[in-house]
Every structure is written in structure tokens, then in C-alpha cells.
Amino acid sequence: MHKCSSNHNIVLVGGCFDLLHYGHLQFLRKARAQGDYLIVALEPDETILNYKKRHPIHNQRQRAENLSSLRFVDEVVVLPVLKGFDDYNQLVQDICPAVIAVTKNDPQIVNKRRQAQVVGAKVIEVIDALASQTGNAVLSNTAILNKLLD
């Protein structure tokens, strides 16, 4: 296990956060409540292109500025293109969080648990899937964009 020497109870979250919406705000607020300092690892534009199969609405710099303006976000780490588990594992080791906050059914949960184990962190599900939590199916960027195109 990697030894962390930190004075803060750091919480780490990651994501794209394009079109910042109510579900994102709830997730970030509840993640921040798990510790003293919330760091958002912000994915690059290429991640949106590759995984969401669309161009971002806001570029990474704009998304970072939006996130930085939230009172419960303490720091935004603007990520370069990372190439798989080892790069993300190194990021987690560099930040050394006490908590990695996720949504329920996070598709990367297995990797996040492995990364947390390396630094002695906990993985905490801070929010259910956004649609089931609010009863509103329009709480993802994809759903919002599809609704706008209807």
C-alpha cells in the first residue's frame, strides 16, 4: 500500500461535467460532505468524443471554470488524456484521497476500488443513479441533449 501523508480528508471525484446540471450539483455536494476538501479530476475533451460519441458543449477550460465557481469544489485537476488503469492509478496515488466518491452503478467501480486500495482510501457511493434519485429521467447530459432535439 502507498503511504499518504496528508493533513486533509481529501475526497476525489472524476468525470466530464459537460453541461453542469442538477444531478451533478447533488453528486458534488454529497461527495464534499464525505471529507474536508473536494478535488474534481476533470476529463479532457477527447474523453467526451471517445466515450460519449459527441463533441463537448463546453471545452475543458470552460468546464473547469464552471466547476471552480462552485463553493463545495475546492480544486479542479485538469487531466490530460490518460491511457488506462495505470495512468489513473498514478493520479490517485498523487492525490492520495481518503475517499473516492462515486455514483451507484459507476461503470468504473472495480477499477476505482483497486485504486482506492493502493492508497488506503474508501470508495463511497454518495448518490443513486440520478434518474432514480429524483424520479426525473432528464438528469444526464445525453438525456438533456436528446430532449432538446425532440
Protein backbone atom coordinates (compact mmCIF):
# COMPACT_ATOMS: atom_id res chain seq x y z
CA MET A 1 0.00 0.00 0.00
CA HIS A 2 1.17 3.51 -0.89
CA LYS A 3 1.70 5.65 2.23
CA CYS A 4 -0.11 9.00 2.13
CA SER A 5 0.87 11.93 4.28
CA SER A 6 -1.93 14.43 4.12
CA ASN A 7 -3.42 16.89 6.57
CA HIS A 8 -6.72 16.93 4.71
CA ASN A 9 -9.51 14.42 4.50
CA ILE A 10 -9.48 14.61 0.69
CA VAL A 11 -12.38 13.41 -1.44
CA LEU A 12 -11.74 12.67 -5.11
CA VAL A 13 -14.33 12.52 -7.87
CA GLY A 14 -13.82 12.28 -11.59
CA GLY A 15 -15.85 12.98 -14.67
CA CYS A 16 -16.59 15.13 -17.69
CA PHE A 17 -19.17 17.51 -16.17
CA ASP A 18 -20.20 18.90 -19.53
CA LEU A 19 -23.49 20.85 -19.28
CA LEU A 20 -23.36 21.12 -15.50
CA HIS A 21 -26.84 20.18 -14.23
CA TYR A 22 -28.83 19.48 -11.05
CA GLY A 23 -27.65 15.88 -10.80
CA HIS A 24 -24.01 16.97 -10.97
CA LEU A 25 -24.61 19.52 -8.22
CA GLN A 26 -26.22 16.92 -5.94
CA PHE A 27 -23.38 14.49 -6.56
CA LEU A 28 -20.66 17.06 -5.91
CA ARG A 29 -22.36 18.42 -2.77
CA LYS A 30 -22.75 14.92 -1.30
CA ALA A 31 -19.20 13.99 -2.27
CA ARG A 32 -17.85 17.09 -0.48
CA ALA A 33 -19.78 16.09 2.65
CA GLN A 34 -17.56 12.96 2.87
CA GLY A 35 -14.45 14.99 3.74
CA ASP A 36 -12.77 18.34 4.15
CA TYR A 37 -11.51 19.01 0.64
CA LEU A 38 -13.10 18.05 -2.70
CA ILE A 39 -10.92 17.53 -5.77
CA VAL A 40 -12.56 17.05 -9.16
CA ALA A 41 -10.45 15.22 -11.75
CA LEU A 42 -11.82 16.71 -14.97
CA GLU A 43 -11.63 14.55 -18.08
CA PRO A 44 -10.33 16.08 -21.34
CA ASP A 45 -12.49 16.86 -24.37
CA GLU A 46 -11.18 13.69 -26.04
CA THR A 47 -12.94 11.58 -23.42
CA ILE A 48 -16.30 13.05 -24.38
CA LEU A 49 -15.54 12.45 -28.06
CA ASN A 50 -14.38 8.87 -27.50
CA TYR A 51 -16.85 7.63 -24.89
CA LYS A 52 -19.93 9.77 -25.36
CA LYS A 53 -19.56 9.91 -29.15
CA ARG A 54 -20.21 13.64 -29.37
CA HIS A 55 -18.34 16.91 -29.16
CA PRO A 56 -18.36 18.61 -25.78
CA ILE A 57 -20.72 21.55 -25.33
CA HIS A 58 -18.09 23.31 -23.21
CA ASN A 59 -14.37 22.78 -23.68
CA GLN A 60 -12.28 21.53 -20.76
CA ARG A 61 -11.17 25.02 -19.72
CA GLN A 62 -14.77 26.22 -19.60
CA ARG A 63 -15.88 23.14 -17.67
CA ALA A 64 -13.04 23.70 -15.19
CA GLU A 65 -14.13 27.30 -14.68
CA ASN A 66 -17.76 26.24 -14.13
CA LEU A 67 -16.72 23.65 -11.54
CA SER A 68 -14.30 26.03 -9.82
CA SER A 69 -17.11 28.50 -9.26
CA LEU A 70 -18.98 26.05 -7.02
CA ARG A 71 -18.44 26.71 -3.32
CA PHE A 72 -18.20 22.99 -2.48
CA VAL A 73 -15.48 22.27 -5.07
CA ASP A 74 -12.08 23.04 -3.59
CA GLU A 75 -9.86 22.15 -6.54
CA VAL A 76 -10.18 21.08 -10.17
CA VAL A 77 -7.41 18.97 -11.69
CA VAL A 78 -7.49 19.39 -15.46
CA LEU A 79 -6.50 15.97 -16.79
CA PRO A 80 -4.51 15.26 -19.92
CA VAL A 81 -5.52 12.24 -21.98
CA LEU A 82 -4.86 9.28 -19.68
CA LYS A 83 -4.20 5.87 -21.14
CA GLY A 84 -5.87 3.29 -18.94
CA PHE A 85 -5.69 1.91 -15.43
CA ASP A 86 -2.02 2.65 -14.73
CA ASP A 87 -2.35 6.36 -15.56
CA TYR A 88 -5.48 6.71 -13.39
CA ASN A 89 -3.82 4.70 -10.64
CA GLN A 90 -0.88 7.13 -10.67
CA LEU A 91 -3.31 10.07 -10.45
CA VAL A 92 -4.94 8.53 -7.38
CA GLN A 93 -1.54 7.94 -5.79
CA ASP A 94 -0.51 11.55 -6.50
CA ILE A 95 -3.71 12.98 -4.97
CA CYS A 96 -3.87 10.39 -2.19
CA PRO A 97 -7.54 10.82 -1.26
CA ALA A 98 -9.18 9.39 1.85
CA VAL A 99 -12.37 8.87 -0.18
CA ILE A 100 -13.20 8.27 -3.82
CA ALA A 101 -16.83 9.29 -4.24
CA VAL A 102 -18.92 7.62 -6.95
CA THR A 103 -22.48 7.27 -8.12
CA LYS A 104 -24.26 3.96 -7.67
CA ASN A 105 -23.53 1.61 -10.59
CA ASP A 106 -20.42 3.55 -11.63
CA PRO A 107 -19.07 1.65 -14.68
CA GLN A 108 -15.51 2.04 -13.35
CA ILE A 109 -16.28 0.86 -9.80
CA VAL A 110 -13.97 -2.16 -9.94
CA ASN A 111 -11.01 -0.03 -11.05
CA LYS A 112 -11.81 2.69 -8.52
CA ARG A 113 -11.88 0.12 -5.70
CA ARG A 114 -8.49 -1.23 -6.81
CA GLN A 115 -7.06 2.30 -6.96
CA ALA A 116 -8.52 3.18 -3.55
CA GLN A 117 -6.97 0.07 -2.03
CA VAL A 118 -3.50 1.16 -3.14
CA VAL A 119 -3.72 4.39 -1.10
CA GLY A 120 -5.90 3.08 1.74
CA ALA A 121 -8.95 5.10 0.65
CA LYS A 122 -12.63 4.20 0.84
CA VAL A 123 -14.94 4.14 -2.17
CA ILE A 124 -18.29 5.61 -1.16
CA GLU A 125 -21.45 5.67 -3.26
CA VAL A 126 -22.79 9.12 -2.45
CA ILE A 127 -25.77 9.20 -4.77
CA ASP A 128 -28.03 6.75 -6.58
CA ALA A 129 -28.35 6.83 -10.32
CA LEU A 130 -29.58 10.35 -10.96
CA ALA A 131 -32.88 9.44 -12.62
CA SER A 132 -33.92 7.07 -9.84
CA GLN A 133 -32.94 9.56 -7.13
CA THR A 134 -35.16 12.35 -8.40
CA GLY A 135 -37.79 10.44 -10.33
CA ASN A 136 -36.78 12.55 -13.33
CA ALA A 137 -35.23 10.79 -16.29
CA VAL A 138 -33.73 14.01 -17.69
CA LEU A 139 -30.66 14.21 -15.43
CA SER A 140 -27.88 13.20 -17.74
CA ASN A 141 -26.27 15.27 -20.44
CA THR A 142 -27.30 12.71 -23.04
CA ALA A 143 -30.93 12.78 -21.89
CA ILE A 144 -30.95 16.60 -21.79
CA LEU A 145 -29.46 16.84 -25.28
CA ASN A 146 -31.93 14.26 -26.63
CA LYS A 147 -34.82 16.15 -25.04
CA LEU A 148 -33.66 19.38 -26.69
CA LEU A 149 -33.53 17.66 -30.07
CA ASP A 150 -37.09 16.25 -29.78
